[in-house]
Amino acid sequence: LKDKNITSYNLLGKFYSEREVGFYNQANKWNGMGYSLISGMVNGVAQPVLAKVSDDKERQLRVFRKMMRFTAFVSFPIMFGLSLTASELIAIAITDKWLESAKILQILCISSAFIPITSLCSNLIISKGKSNIFMWNTITLGILQMIVMYLIHPYGIYPMIITYASINVGWLLIWHCFVRQQIQYKLSFLLMDILPFAII
């Protein structure tokens, strides 16, 4: 993940001015602190628990759904809340000269609300001994993001970030396909588990 971020910064440096890249870096830093806190909490519990019940698919499905609801319950309020208060946070934490980065932070936070959820899906895949799926899924997402950055950059940094964020949200459906293969986690289950918290 760190290497991918470095690659992203290098590409942004070629496409945009130092000022624009600086705003993105500040926004991404605050965004990363938000979703990393949630993902770390989820990952610390999910992997051992899911592995413990991996032999019983019905029980694992019930446990996974409870974890999914809890993750959505935590992730959406924190990340959407950070998005709503981005301007105030930036102004207080790093002064008004970085206020432009608040707009970028708002976009990133909306997409990053889904990162702990995809992280939970990846933990389920790993608990099933399918680390190759995790590896290729992550590599494919990274390659797609780089390609999109290259294709969209002429239209400006905001369309590029919006497209980048949309891919991150949409990629949850790819993770869901693999999870469904393992524990029959239907799309309707996913929507019922996360949408109420996202809407609220």
N, C-alpha and C. Protein backbone atom coordinates (compact mmCIF):
# COMPACT_ATOMS: atom_id res chain seq x y z
N LEU A 1 0.83 -1.19 0.00
CA LEU A 1 0.00 0.00 0.00
C LEU A 1 0.87 1.26 0.00
N LYS A 2 1.92 1.22 0.78
CA LYS A 2 2.83 2.36 0.83
C LYS A 2 3.48 2.58 -0.53
N ASP A 3 3.91 1.49 -1.19
CA ASP A 3 4.55 1.61 -2.50
C ASP A 3 3.56 2.15 -3.52
N LYS A 4 2.29 1.71 -3.42
CA LYS A 4 1.29 2.19 -4.35
C LYS A 4 1.06 3.69 -4.17
N ASN A 5 1.05 4.16 -2.92
CA ASN A 5 0.89 5.59 -2.66
C ASN A 5 2.05 6.39 -3.23
N ILE A 6 3.28 5.86 -3.09
CA ILE A 6 4.45 6.54 -3.64
C ILE A 6 4.33 6.64 -5.15
N THR A 7 3.89 5.54 -5.80
CA THR A 7 3.71 5.55 -7.25
C THR A 7 2.65 6.58 -7.64
N SER A 8 1.56 6.65 -6.87
CA SER A 8 0.50 7.62 -7.15
C SER A 8 1.03 9.04 -7.07
N TYR A 9 1.84 9.34 -6.03
CA TYR A 9 2.40 10.68 -5.87
C TYR A 9 3.32 11.03 -7.05
N ASN A 10 4.12 10.04 -7.49
CA ASN A 10 5.02 10.28 -8.61
C ASN A 10 4.25 10.60 -9.89
N LEU A 11 3.15 9.86 -10.12
CA LEU A 11 2.33 10.13 -11.30
C LEU A 11 1.65 11.49 -11.20
N LEU A 12 1.14 11.80 -10.02
CA LEU A 12 0.52 13.11 -9.83
C LEU A 12 1.52 14.23 -10.06
N GLY A 13 2.76 14.02 -9.63
CA GLY A 13 3.80 15.02 -9.81
C GLY A 13 4.11 15.31 -11.26
N LYS A 14 3.91 14.30 -12.11
CA LYS A 14 4.14 14.49 -13.55
C LYS A 14 2.97 15.21 -14.22
N PHE A 15 1.77 15.01 -13.69
CA PHE A 15 0.57 15.53 -14.33
C PHE A 15 0.15 16.91 -13.82
N TYR A 16 0.45 17.20 -12.54
CA TYR A 16 -0.09 18.41 -11.93
C TYR A 16 1.02 19.23 -11.26
N SER A 17 0.66 20.44 -10.87
CA SER A 17 1.64 21.34 -10.25
C SER A 17 1.95 20.89 -8.82
N GLU A 18 3.04 21.44 -8.28
CA GLU A 18 3.42 21.13 -6.89
C GLU A 18 2.31 21.54 -5.93
N ARG A 19 1.65 22.64 -6.23
CA ARG A 19 0.58 23.14 -5.38
C ARG A 19 -0.57 22.13 -5.31
N GLU A 20 -0.99 21.62 -6.47
CA GLU A 20 -2.09 20.66 -6.51
C GLU A 20 -1.72 19.34 -5.83
N VAL A 21 -0.48 18.90 -6.07
CA VAL A 21 -0.01 17.66 -5.44
C VAL A 21 0.07 17.85 -3.92
N GLY A 22 0.48 19.02 -3.49
CA GLY A 22 0.54 19.32 -2.05
C GLY A 22 -0.83 19.25 -1.41
N PHE A 23 -1.84 19.81 -2.08
CA PHE A 23 -3.20 19.74 -1.56
C PHE A 23 -3.67 18.29 -1.47
N TYR A 24 -3.36 17.51 -2.51
CA TYR A 24 -3.75 16.10 -2.50
C TYR A 24 -3.06 15.35 -1.36
N ASN A 25 -1.78 15.59 -1.18
CA ASN A 25 -1.03 14.89 -0.13
C ASN A 25 -1.60 15.18 1.26
N GLN A 26 -1.94 16.44 1.50
CA GLN A 26 -2.52 16.79 2.80
C GLN A 26 -3.87 16.10 3.01
N ALA A 27 -4.70 16.12 1.96
CA ALA A 27 -6.01 15.47 2.05
C ALA A 27 -5.86 13.98 2.26
N ASN A 28 -4.95 13.37 1.53
CA ASN A 28 -4.76 11.92 1.61
C ASN A 28 -4.21 11.51 2.98
N LYS A 29 -3.39 12.38 3.58
CA LYS A 29 -2.83 12.10 4.90
C LYS A 29 -3.94 12.00 5.94
N TRP A 30 -4.84 12.98 5.97
CA TRP A 30 -5.93 12.97 6.94
C TRP A 30 -6.92 11.85 6.65
N ASN A 31 -7.16 11.63 5.39
CA ASN A 31 -8.05 10.54 5.00
C ASN A 31 -7.47 9.19 5.44
N GLY A 32 -6.18 9.00 5.23
CA GLY A 32 -5.52 7.75 5.60
C GLY A 32 -5.59 7.50 7.10
N MET A 33 -5.45 8.55 7.90
CA MET A 33 -5.54 8.38 9.35
C MET A 33 -6.92 7.91 9.77
N GLY A 34 -7.95 8.39 9.06
CA GLY A 34 -9.31 8.01 9.38
C GLY A 34 -9.60 6.54 9.10
N TYR A 35 -9.39 6.12 7.84
CA TYR A 35 -9.76 4.74 7.51
C TYR A 35 -8.77 3.72 8.05
N SER A 36 -7.51 4.11 8.27
CA SER A 36 -6.54 3.17 8.84
C SER A 36 -6.90 2.79 10.27
N LEU A 37 -7.42 3.75 11.02
CA LEU A 37 -7.85 3.48 12.40
C LEU A 37 -8.95 2.43 12.41
N ILE A 38 -9.93 2.58 11.53
CA ILE A 38 -11.05 1.64 11.48
C ILE A 38 -10.60 0.29 10.95
N SER A 39 -9.84 0.30 9.85
CA SER A 39 -9.38 -0.95 9.26
C SER A 39 -8.51 -1.74 10.23
N GLY A 40 -7.65 -1.04 10.97
CA GLY A 40 -6.80 -1.71 11.95
C GLY A 40 -7.61 -2.39 13.02
N MET A 41 -8.66 -1.73 13.47
CA MET A 41 -9.54 -2.30 14.48
C MET A 41 -10.25 -3.54 13.94
N VAL A 42 -10.75 -3.44 12.71
CA VAL A 42 -11.47 -4.57 12.09
C VAL A 42 -10.53 -5.73 11.82
N ASN A 43 -9.37 -5.45 11.25
CA ASN A 43 -8.42 -6.50 10.90
C ASN A 43 -7.91 -7.25 12.13
N GLY A 44 -7.76 -6.53 13.23
CA GLY A 44 -7.25 -7.17 14.44
C GLY A 44 -8.18 -8.22 15.01
N VAL A 45 -9.48 -8.06 14.73
CA VAL A 45 -10.48 -9.00 15.25
C VAL A 45 -10.94 -10.00 14.20
N ALA A 46 -11.11 -9.52 12.96
CA ALA A 46 -11.76 -10.33 11.91
C ALA A 46 -11.00 -11.59 11.56
N GLN A 47 -9.70 -11.46 11.32
CA GLN A 47 -8.94 -12.61 10.83
C GLN A 47 -8.99 -13.82 11.77
N PRO A 48 -8.66 -13.67 13.04
CA PRO A 48 -8.71 -14.85 13.92
C PRO A 48 -10.12 -15.41 14.12
N VAL A 49 -11.12 -14.52 14.20
CA VAL A 49 -12.50 -14.99 14.42
C VAL A 49 -13.01 -15.74 13.20
N LEU A 50 -12.80 -15.19 12.01
CA LEU A 50 -13.28 -15.84 10.79
C LEU A 50 -12.56 -17.16 10.55
N ALA A 51 -11.28 -17.21 10.87
CA ALA A 51 -10.52 -18.46 10.72
C ALA A 51 -11.03 -19.53 11.68
N LYS A 52 -11.44 -19.10 12.87
CA LYS A 52 -11.91 -20.04 13.89
C LYS A 52 -13.19 -20.74 13.48
N VAL A 53 -14.05 -20.05 12.71
CA VAL A 53 -15.34 -20.63 12.31
C VAL A 53 -15.36 -21.02 10.83
N SER A 54 -14.18 -21.13 10.22
CA SER A 54 -14.11 -21.37 8.78
C SER A 54 -14.66 -22.73 8.35
N ASP A 55 -14.74 -23.69 9.29
CA ASP A 55 -15.23 -25.03 8.93
C ASP A 55 -16.76 -25.11 8.89
N ASP A 56 -17.42 -24.12 9.44
CA ASP A 56 -18.89 -24.11 9.47
C ASP A 56 -19.38 -22.90 8.66
N LYS A 57 -19.80 -23.14 7.41
CA LYS A 57 -20.15 -22.03 6.51
C LYS A 57 -21.34 -21.22 7.03
N GLU A 58 -22.34 -21.90 7.57
CA GLU A 58 -23.51 -21.17 8.06
C GLU A 58 -23.15 -20.26 9.24
N ARG A 59 -22.37 -20.80 10.14
CA ARG A 59 -21.94 -19.99 11.29
C ARG A 59 -21.03 -18.86 10.84
N GLN A 60 -20.13 -19.15 9.90
CA GLN A 60 -19.23 -18.12 9.41
C GLN A 60 -20.01 -17.00 8.72
N LEU A 61 -21.05 -17.38 7.98
CA LEU A 61 -21.89 -16.37 7.34
C LEU A 61 -22.54 -15.47 8.38
N ARG A 62 -23.07 -16.05 9.46
CA ARG A 62 -23.70 -15.24 10.52
C ARG A 62 -22.68 -14.32 11.18
N VAL A 63 -21.50 -14.86 11.47
CA VAL A 63 -20.44 -14.05 12.09
C VAL A 63 -20.01 -12.93 11.16
N PHE A 64 -19.85 -13.27 9.88
CA PHE A 64 -19.40 -12.28 8.90
C PHE A 64 -20.42 -11.15 8.77
N ARG A 65 -21.69 -11.48 8.75
CA ARG A 65 -22.73 -10.45 8.63
C ARG A 65 -22.74 -9.52 9.85
N LYS A 66 -22.54 -10.09 11.04
CA LYS A 66 -22.47 -9.25 12.24
C LYS A 66 -21.27 -8.31 12.16
N MET A 67 -20.15 -8.84 11.71
CA MET A 67 -18.95 -8.01 11.56
C MET A 67 -19.16 -6.93 10.50
N MET A 68 -19.85 -7.28 9.42
CA MET A 68 -20.10 -6.32 8.36
C MET A 68 -20.97 -5.18 8.87
N ARG A 69 -21.99 -5.51 9.62
CA ARG A 69 -22.87 -4.46 10.17
C ARG A 69 -22.12 -3.57 11.16
N PHE A 70 -21.28 -4.18 11.99
CA PHE A 70 -20.50 -3.39 12.95
C PHE A 70 -19.51 -2.47 12.22
N THR A 71 -18.87 -3.01 11.19
CA THR A 71 -17.90 -2.21 10.42
C THR A 71 -18.59 -1.02 9.76
N ALA A 72 -19.76 -1.26 9.15
CA ALA A 72 -20.52 -0.17 8.53
C ALA A 72 -20.97 0.84 9.58
N PHE A 73 -21.38 0.33 10.75
CA PHE A 73 -21.83 1.18 11.85
C PHE A 73 -20.73 2.14 12.30
N VAL A 74 -19.47 1.68 12.25
CA VAL A 74 -18.35 2.51 12.67
C VAL A 74 -17.81 3.36 11.51
N SER A 75 -17.65 2.74 10.35
CA SER A 75 -16.96 3.38 9.24
C SER A 75 -17.73 4.55 8.63
N PHE A 76 -19.00 4.36 8.35
CA PHE A 76 -19.75 5.42 7.67
C PHE A 76 -19.89 6.69 8.51
N PRO A 77 -20.26 6.61 9.79
CA PRO A 77 -20.33 7.86 10.57
C PRO A 77 -18.98 8.58 10.67
N ILE A 78 -17.91 7.82 10.88
CA ILE A 78 -16.60 8.45 11.04
C ILE A 78 -16.14 9.10 9.74
N MET A 79 -16.17 8.34 8.64
CA MET A 79 -15.62 8.86 7.38
C MET A 79 -16.54 9.90 6.74
N PHE A 80 -17.86 9.67 6.79
CA PHE A 80 -18.77 10.69 6.27
C PHE A 80 -18.74 11.94 7.15
N GLY A 81 -18.59 11.72 8.46
CA GLY A 81 -18.47 12.86 9.37
C GLY A 81 -17.21 13.66 9.10
N LEU A 82 -16.11 12.95 8.82
CA LEU A 82 -14.87 13.63 8.47
C LEU A 82 -15.03 14.42 7.18
N SER A 83 -15.77 13.85 6.24
CA SER A 83 -16.04 14.54 4.97
C SER A 83 -16.82 15.83 5.21
N LEU A 84 -17.83 15.76 6.07
CA LEU A 84 -18.68 16.92 6.33
C LEU A 84 -17.93 18.04 7.06
N THR A 85 -16.97 17.66 7.88
CA THR A 85 -16.24 18.66 8.68
C THR A 85 -14.83 18.92 8.12
N ALA A 86 -14.61 18.53 6.88
CA ALA A 86 -13.26 18.63 6.30
C ALA A 86 -12.71 20.06 6.33
N SER A 87 -13.52 21.03 5.95
CA SER A 87 -13.04 22.42 5.90
C SER A 87 -12.63 22.91 7.28
N GLU A 88 -13.45 22.63 8.28
CA GLU A 88 -13.13 23.07 9.65
C GLU A 88 -11.88 22.36 10.17
N LEU A 89 -11.78 21.06 9.88
CA LEU A 89 -10.61 20.30 10.34
C LEU A 89 -9.32 20.84 9.75
N ILE A 90 -9.33 21.06 8.44
CA ILE A 90 -8.13 21.56 7.76
C ILE A 90 -7.76 22.94 8.28
N ALA A 91 -8.75 23.82 8.43
CA ALA A 91 -8.49 25.18 8.89
C ALA A 91 -7.89 25.19 10.29
N ILE A 92 -8.40 24.35 11.17
CA ILE A 92 -7.92 24.31 12.55
C ILE A 92 -6.56 23.62 12.65
N ALA A 93 -6.41 22.50 11.93
CA ALA A 93 -5.21 21.67 12.08
C ALA A 93 -4.00 22.23 11.34
N ILE A 94 -4.21 22.71 10.11
CA ILE A 94 -3.04 23.13 9.29
C ILE A 94 -3.23 24.49 8.62
N THR A 95 -4.12 25.29 9.13
CA THR A 95 -4.37 26.69 8.72
C THR A 95 -5.12 26.79 7.38
N ASP A 96 -5.62 28.01 7.16
CA ASP A 96 -6.48 28.28 6.00
C ASP A 96 -5.77 28.14 4.66
N LYS A 97 -4.47 28.21 4.64
CA LYS A 97 -3.76 28.15 3.35
C LYS A 97 -3.91 26.78 2.68
N TRP A 98 -4.34 25.77 3.46
CA TRP A 98 -4.53 24.43 2.90
C TRP A 98 -6.01 24.10 2.68
N LEU A 99 -6.88 25.11 2.74
CA LEU A 99 -8.31 24.86 2.64
C LEU A 99 -8.72 24.17 1.33
N GLU A 100 -7.96 24.40 0.28
CA GLU A 100 -8.26 23.77 -1.01
C GLU A 100 -8.22 22.24 -0.89
N SER A 101 -7.40 21.76 0.02
CA SER A 101 -7.30 20.31 0.18
C SER A 101 -8.55 19.72 0.83
N ALA A 102 -9.38 20.55 1.44
CA ALA A 102 -10.62 20.05 2.08
C ALA A 102 -11.57 19.47 1.04
N LYS A 103 -11.61 20.06 -0.14
CA LYS A 103 -12.49 19.54 -1.21
C LYS A 103 -12.05 18.14 -1.63
N ILE A 104 -10.75 17.95 -1.71
CA ILE A 104 -10.21 16.63 -2.06
C ILE A 104 -10.47 15.65 -0.94
N LEU A 105 -10.29 16.11 0.30
CA LEU A 105 -10.52 15.25 1.46
C LEU A 105 -11.97 14.76 1.49
N GLN A 106 -12.91 15.62 1.14
CA GLN A 106 -14.32 15.23 1.14
C GLN A 106 -14.58 14.07 0.19
N ILE A 107 -13.98 14.13 -1.00
CA ILE A 107 -14.16 13.06 -2.00
C ILE A 107 -13.51 11.77 -1.51
N LEU A 108 -12.29 11.89 -1.01
CA LEU A 108 -11.56 10.70 -0.56
C LEU A 108 -12.26 10.01 0.61
N CYS A 109 -12.81 10.80 1.53
CA CYS A 109 -13.48 10.22 2.70
C CYS A 109 -14.70 9.41 2.32
N ILE A 110 -15.43 9.87 1.33
CA ILE A 110 -16.63 9.13 0.90
C ILE A 110 -16.23 7.77 0.38
N SER A 111 -15.18 7.73 -0.44
CA SER A 111 -14.74 6.42 -0.96
C SER A 111 -14.08 5.58 0.12
N SER A 112 -13.36 6.22 1.02
CA SER A 112 -12.62 5.47 2.05
C SER A 112 -13.53 4.89 3.12
N ALA A 113 -14.77 5.34 3.19
CA ALA A 113 -15.73 4.73 4.11
C ALA A 113 -15.94 3.26 3.76
N PHE A 114 -15.68 2.92 2.49
CA PHE A 114 -15.87 1.54 2.04
C PHE A 114 -14.62 0.68 2.21
N ILE A 115 -13.48 1.29 2.48
CA ILE A 115 -12.23 0.52 2.59
C ILE A 115 -12.26 -0.49 3.73
N PRO A 116 -12.72 -0.13 4.95
CA PRO A 116 -12.80 -1.16 6.00
C PRO A 116 -13.74 -2.31 5.63
N ILE A 117 -14.75 -2.02 4.82
CA ILE A 117 -15.68 -3.06 4.40
C ILE A 117 -15.01 -4.01 3.41
N THR A 118 -14.28 -3.46 2.44
CA THR A 118 -13.53 -4.33 1.52
C THR A 118 -12.42 -5.07 2.26
N SER A 119 -11.87 -4.43 3.30
CA SER A 119 -10.85 -5.08 4.10
C SER A 119 -11.41 -6.29 4.83
N LEU A 120 -12.64 -6.17 5.31
CA LEU A 120 -13.31 -7.30 5.96
C LEU A 120 -13.53 -8.43 4.96
N CYS A 121 -13.92 -8.09 3.74
CA CYS A 121 -14.09 -9.10 2.69
C CYS A 121 -12.78 -9.81 2.40
N SER A 122 -11.70 -9.05 2.33
CA SER A 122 -10.40 -9.66 2.05
C SER A 122 -9.96 -10.58 3.19
N ASN A 123 -10.32 -10.22 4.42
CA ASN A 123 -10.01 -11.08 5.57
C ASN A 123 -10.74 -12.41 5.48
N LEU A 124 -11.98 -12.36 5.00
CA LEU A 124 -12.74 -13.59 4.82
C LEU A 124 -12.06 -14.49 3.78
N ILE A 125 -11.63 -13.87 2.68
CA ILE A 125 -10.96 -14.63 1.62
C ILE A 125 -9.68 -15.28 2.15
N ILE A 126 -8.90 -14.53 2.91
CA ILE A 126 -7.64 -15.06 3.46
C ILE A 126 -7.92 -16.17 4.47
N SER A 127 -8.98 -16.01 5.27
CA SER A 127 -9.31 -17.03 6.25
C SER A 127 -9.69 -18.36 5.60
N LYS A 128 -10.10 -18.28 4.33
CA LYS A 128 -10.43 -19.49 3.57
C LYS A 128 -9.21 -20.07 2.85
N GLY A 129 -8.04 -19.49 3.10
CA GLY A 129 -6.82 -19.98 2.47
C GLY A 129 -6.67 -19.58 1.02
N LYS A 130 -7.37 -18.51 0.61
CA LYS A 130 -7.34 -18.07 -0.78
C LYS A 130 -6.50 -16.80 -0.92
N SER A 131 -5.28 -16.85 -0.43
CA SER A 131 -4.43 -15.66 -0.48
C SER A 131 -4.09 -15.26 -1.92
N ASN A 132 -4.14 -16.22 -2.85
CA ASN A 132 -3.88 -15.89 -4.25
C ASN A 132 -4.97 -14.97 -4.82
N ILE A 133 -6.23 -15.17 -4.38
CA ILE A 133 -7.31 -14.28 -4.81
C ILE A 133 -7.07 -12.87 -4.27
N PHE A 134 -6.68 -12.80 -3.00
CA PHE A 134 -6.38 -11.49 -2.40
C PHE A 134 -5.27 -10.79 -3.17
N MET A 135 -4.21 -11.52 -3.50
CA MET A 135 -3.06 -10.92 -4.18
C MET A 135 -3.46 -10.40 -5.56
N TRP A 136 -4.11 -11.23 -6.37
CA TRP A 136 -4.43 -10.82 -7.74
C TRP A 136 -5.52 -9.76 -7.78
N ASN A 137 -6.42 -9.81 -6.83
CA ASN A 137 -7.45 -8.78 -6.76
C ASN A 137 -6.83 -7.41 -6.44
N THR A 138 -5.89 -7.42 -5.50
CA THR A 138 -5.22 -6.18 -5.12
C THR A 138 -4.36 -5.64 -6.25
N ILE A 139 -3.64 -6.53 -6.93
CA ILE A 139 -2.79 -6.11 -8.05
C ILE A 139 -3.64 -5.54 -9.18
N THR A 140 -4.75 -6.22 -9.50
CA THR A 140 -5.63 -5.76 -10.58
C THR A 140 -6.20 -4.39 -10.28
N LEU A 141 -6.64 -4.18 -9.03
CA LEU A 141 -7.17 -2.87 -8.63
C LEU A 141 -6.11 -1.80 -8.78
N GLY A 142 -4.89 -2.09 -8.34
CA GLY A 142 -3.80 -1.11 -8.44
C GLY A 142 -3.50 -0.74 -9.89
N ILE A 143 -3.45 -1.73 -10.77
CA ILE A 143 -3.18 -1.48 -12.18
C ILE A 143 -4.30 -0.65 -12.79
N LEU A 144 -5.55 -1.01 -12.48
CA LEU A 144 -6.69 -0.26 -13.00
C LEU A 144 -6.65 1.20 -12.55
N GLN A 145 -6.30 1.42 -11.29
CA GLN A 145 -6.22 2.79 -10.77
C GLN A 145 -5.15 3.59 -11.51
N MET A 146 -4.00 2.97 -11.77
CA MET A 146 -2.93 3.66 -12.49
C MET A 146 -3.35 4.02 -13.91
N ILE A 147 -4.02 3.08 -14.58
CA ILE A 147 -4.48 3.32 -15.94
C ILE A 147 -5.49 4.47 -15.98
N VAL A 148 -6.42 4.45 -15.02
CA VAL A 148 -7.44 5.50 -14.96
C VAL A 148 -6.79 6.86 -14.69
N MET A 149 -5.83 6.90 -13.78
CA MET A 149 -5.13 8.15 -13.50
C MET A 149 -4.50 8.71 -14.77
N TYR A 150 -3.91 7.83 -15.55
CA TYR A 150 -3.24 8.26 -16.79
C TYR A 150 -4.25 8.79 -17.81
N LEU A 151 -5.39 8.12 -17.93
CA LEU A 151 -6.38 8.48 -18.94
C LEU A 151 -7.18 9.73 -18.58
N ILE A 152 -7.45 9.91 -17.29
CA ILE A 152 -8.33 11.00 -16.84
C ILE A 152 -7.57 12.29 -16.53
N HIS A 153 -6.26 12.21 -16.32
CA HIS A 153 -5.53 13.39 -15.83
C HIS A 153 -5.67 14.64 -16.70
N PRO A 154 -5.86 14.54 -18.03
CA PRO A 154 -5.99 15.79 -18.80
C PRO A 154 -7.21 16.62 -18.42
N TYR A 155 -8.19 16.01 -17.78
CA TYR A 155 -9.43 16.71 -17.43
C TYR A 155 -9.34 17.44 -16.10
N GLY A 156 -8.22 17.29 -15.41
CA GLY A 156 -8.04 17.99 -14.14
C GLY A 156 -7.98 17.03 -12.96
N ILE A 157 -7.51 17.55 -11.84
CA ILE A 157 -7.29 16.69 -10.69
C ILE A 157 -8.60 16.24 -10.04
N TYR A 158 -9.64 17.07 -10.06
CA TYR A 158 -10.88 16.68 -9.40
C TYR A 158 -11.62 15.57 -10.14
N PRO A 159 -11.78 15.65 -11.48
CA PRO A 159 -12.38 14.50 -12.18
C PRO A 159 -11.57 13.22 -11.98
N MET A 160 -10.23 13.35 -11.93
CA MET A 160 -9.39 12.18 -11.74
C MET A 160 -9.63 11.55 -10.36
N ILE A 161 -9.71 12.38 -9.31
CA ILE A 161 -9.92 11.87 -7.95
C ILE A 161 -11.32 11.28 -7.81
N ILE A 162 -12.31 11.91 -8.41
CA ILE A 162 -13.68 11.39 -8.35
C ILE A 162 -13.75 10.01 -9.02
N THR A 163 -13.10 9.87 -10.17
CA THR A 163 -13.09 8.58 -10.87
C THR A 163 -12.34 7.53 -10.05
N TYR A 164 -11.22 7.94 -9.49
CA TYR A 164 -10.41 7.06 -8.63
C TYR A 164 -11.23 6.57 -7.44
N ALA A 165 -11.95 7.50 -6.81
CA ALA A 165 -12.77 7.15 -5.65
C ALA A 165 -13.93 6.24 -6.06
N SER A 166 -14.50 6.49 -7.22
CA SER A 166 -15.62 5.67 -7.69
C SER A 166 -15.18 4.23 -7.94
N ILE A 167 -13.98 4.07 -8.45
CA ILE A 167 -13.45 2.72 -8.67
C ILE A 167 -13.30 1.99 -7.34
N ASN A 168 -12.80 2.68 -6.33
CA ASN A 168 -12.63 2.07 -5.01
C ASN A 168 -13.97 1.60 -4.43
N VAL A 169 -15.01 2.41 -4.61
CA VAL A 169 -16.34 2.03 -4.12
C VAL A 169 -16.87 0.86 -4.93
N GLY A 170 -16.77 0.96 -6.25
CA GLY A 170 -17.29 -0.09 -7.12
C GLY A 170 -16.58 -1.42 -6.96
N TRP A 171 -15.31 -1.37 -6.54
CA TRP A 171 -14.53 -2.60 -6.39
C TRP A 171 -15.07 -3.48 -5.27
N LEU A 172 -15.89 -2.91 -4.40
CA LEU A 172 -16.53 -3.71 -3.35
C LEU A 172 -17.36 -4.84 -3.98
N LEU A 173 -17.94 -4.57 -5.14
CA LEU A 173 -18.75 -5.60 -5.81
C LEU A 173 -17.87 -6.76 -6.29
N ILE A 174 -16.63 -6.46 -6.66
CA ILE A 174 -15.70 -7.52 -7.07
C ILE A 174 -15.36 -8.39 -5.86
N TRP A 175 -15.07 -7.74 -4.73
CA TRP A 175 -14.80 -8.50 -3.51
C TRP A 175 -16.00 -9.34 -3.11
N HIS A 176 -17.18 -8.75 -3.27
CA HIS A 176 -18.39 -9.48 -2.90
C HIS A 176 -18.55 -10.76 -3.71
N CYS A 177 -18.20 -10.71 -4.99
CA CYS A 177 -18.31 -11.91 -5.84
C CYS A 177 -17.48 -13.06 -5.27
N PHE A 178 -16.27 -12.76 -4.81
CA PHE A 178 -15.40 -13.80 -4.26
C PHE A 178 -15.91 -14.28 -2.90
N VAL A 179 -16.43 -13.35 -2.09
CA VAL A 179 -16.98 -13.73 -0.79
C VAL A 179 -18.20 -14.63 -0.99
N ARG A 180 -19.03 -14.28 -1.97
CA ARG A 180 -20.23 -15.09 -2.22
C ARG A 180 -19.87 -16.52 -2.61
N GLN A 181 -18.79 -16.68 -3.35
CA GLN A 181 -18.34 -18.02 -3.73
C GLN A 181 -17.98 -18.86 -2.51
N GLN A 182 -17.50 -18.19 -1.47
CA GLN A 182 -17.01 -18.90 -0.29
C GLN A 182 -18.10 -19.21 0.73
N ILE A 183 -19.01 -18.24 0.97
CA ILE A 183 -19.99 -18.43 2.05
C ILE A 183 -21.41 -18.08 1.65
N GLN A 184 -21.69 -17.98 0.35
CA GLN A 184 -23.06 -17.67 -0.12
C GLN A 184 -23.59 -16.36 0.47
N TYR A 185 -22.72 -15.37 0.48
CA TYR A 185 -23.10 -14.04 0.98
C TYR A 185 -23.74 -13.26 -0.17
N LYS A 186 -25.06 -13.26 -0.22
CA LYS A 186 -25.79 -12.66 -1.34
C LYS A 186 -25.63 -11.14 -1.37
N LEU A 187 -25.83 -10.58 -2.57
CA LEU A 187 -25.76 -9.13 -2.71
C LEU A 187 -26.83 -8.46 -1.84
N SER A 188 -27.98 -9.08 -1.74
CA SER A 188 -29.05 -8.52 -0.89
C SER A 188 -28.60 -8.45 0.57
N PHE A 189 -27.81 -9.43 1.02
CA PHE A 189 -27.27 -9.40 2.38
C PHE A 189 -26.33 -8.20 2.55
N LEU A 190 -25.46 -8.02 1.56
CA LEU A 190 -24.51 -6.90 1.62
C LEU A 190 -25.24 -5.57 1.72
N LEU A 191 -26.24 -5.39 0.88
CA LEU A 191 -26.99 -4.13 0.88
C LEU A 191 -27.74 -3.94 2.20
N MET A 192 -28.34 -4.99 2.71
CA MET A 192 -29.06 -4.89 3.99
C MET A 192 -28.11 -4.60 5.15
N ASP A 193 -26.87 -5.08 5.03
CA ASP A 193 -25.92 -4.91 6.13
C ASP A 193 -25.29 -3.52 6.16
N ILE A 194 -25.11 -2.90 4.99
CA ILE A 194 -24.39 -1.62 4.98
C ILE A 194 -25.24 -0.40 4.65
N LEU A 195 -26.28 -0.56 3.84
CA LEU A 195 -27.04 0.61 3.39
C LEU A 195 -27.73 1.38 4.51
N PRO A 196 -28.33 0.72 5.51
CA PRO A 196 -28.97 1.51 6.58
C PRO A 196 -28.01 2.48 7.25
N PHE A 197 -26.78 2.06 7.49
CA PHE A 197 -25.80 2.93 8.15
C PHE A 197 -25.30 4.02 7.21
N ALA A 198 -25.16 3.69 5.92
CA ALA A 198 -24.73 4.69 4.94
C ALA A 198 -25.80 5.77 4.77
N ILE A 199 -27.05 5.36 4.72
CA ILE A 199 -28.16 6.32 4.54
C ILE A 199 -28.31 7.22 5.75
N ILE A 200 -28.25 6.62 6.93
CA ILE A 200 -28.38 7.41 8.17
C ILE A 200 -27.27 8.45 8.28
